[in-house]
Amino acid sequence: MEGTLIHHELRPENYQRTFELDPSIDAGKITATIEQGLVTLTLPKAEHVKPRKIAVS
C-alpha cells in the first residue's frame, strides 16, 4: 500500500492522541491497523459526500 506521510511522531512513553473528524468521514467505518509499530488509519468518506454518476440521455 502506498501513501503520503502526513504526520510523524516518536515518543518513548504511552500517550493518547485525539483528533476532530470532518463530518464527511463515516465514523462507523473507521479502521486501524498496527504493523511494525506503524499505525495506519482508514477514514472512509460518508456515502452522501462521495461523487456519483448521473446518466444523461
Protein backbone atom coordinates (compact mmCIF):
# COMPACT_ATOMS: atom_id res chain seq x y z
CA MET A 1 0.00 0.00 0.00
CA GLU A 2 1.41 3.36 -0.98
CA GLY A 3 0.60 6.71 0.57
CA THR A 4 1.92 10.07 1.61
CA LEU A 5 3.28 10.60 5.12
CA ILE A 6 1.25 13.38 6.71
CA HIS A 7 2.47 13.33 10.30
CA HIS A 8 5.32 11.57 12.12
CA GLU A 9 5.82 11.28 15.88
CA LEU A 10 8.16 9.28 18.05
CA ARG A 11 7.64 9.17 21.80
CA PRO A 12 9.00 6.56 24.23
CA GLU A 13 6.05 6.70 26.66
CA ASN A 14 2.40 5.72 26.23
CA TYR A 15 0.21 8.59 25.16
CA GLN A 16 -3.22 9.35 23.78
CA ARG A 17 -3.95 11.48 20.74
CA THR A 18 -7.36 12.96 19.90
CA PHE A 19 -8.48 14.30 16.53
CA GLU A 20 -11.66 16.04 15.46
CA LEU A 21 -13.10 14.39 12.37
CA ASP A 22 -14.63 16.19 9.44
CA PRO A 23 -18.37 15.50 9.08
CA SER A 24 -17.68 13.93 5.68
CA ILE A 25 -15.97 10.95 7.41
CA ASP A 26 -18.10 7.87 8.15
CA ALA A 27 -17.03 7.30 11.77
CA GLY A 28 -18.73 3.90 11.90
CA LYS A 29 -16.43 2.52 9.20
CA ILE A 30 -13.05 3.74 10.52
CA THR A 31 -10.44 1.01 10.75
CA ALA A 32 -6.97 0.94 12.27
CA THR A 33 -4.08 -1.48 11.91
CA ILE A 34 -0.67 -1.57 13.53
CA GLU A 35 2.27 -3.22 11.81
CA GLN A 36 5.89 -2.96 12.93
CA GLY A 37 4.99 -0.05 15.20
CA LEU A 38 3.23 1.90 12.44
CA VAL A 39 -0.44 2.73 12.97
CA THR A 40 -2.50 3.06 9.79
CA LEU A 41 -5.96 4.63 10.00
CA THR A 42 -8.51 4.32 7.20
CA LEU A 43 -11.09 7.10 7.25
CA PRO A 44 -13.69 6.41 4.55
CA LYS A 45 -15.90 9.17 3.21
CA ALA A 46 -19.58 9.00 4.03
CA GLU A 47 -21.81 7.92 1.15
CA HIS A 48 -23.55 11.30 0.96
CA VAL A 49 -20.29 13.10 0.06
CA LYS A 50 -18.92 10.61 -2.48
CA PRO A 51 -19.10 11.66 -6.12
CA ARG A 52 -21.83 9.94 -8.08
CA LYS A 53 -22.53 9.31 -11.72
CA ILE A 54 -25.73 10.59 -13.22
CA ALA A 55 -26.72 9.17 -16.60
CA VAL A 56 -27.71 11.82 -19.11
CA SER A 57 -29.61 10.63 -22.17
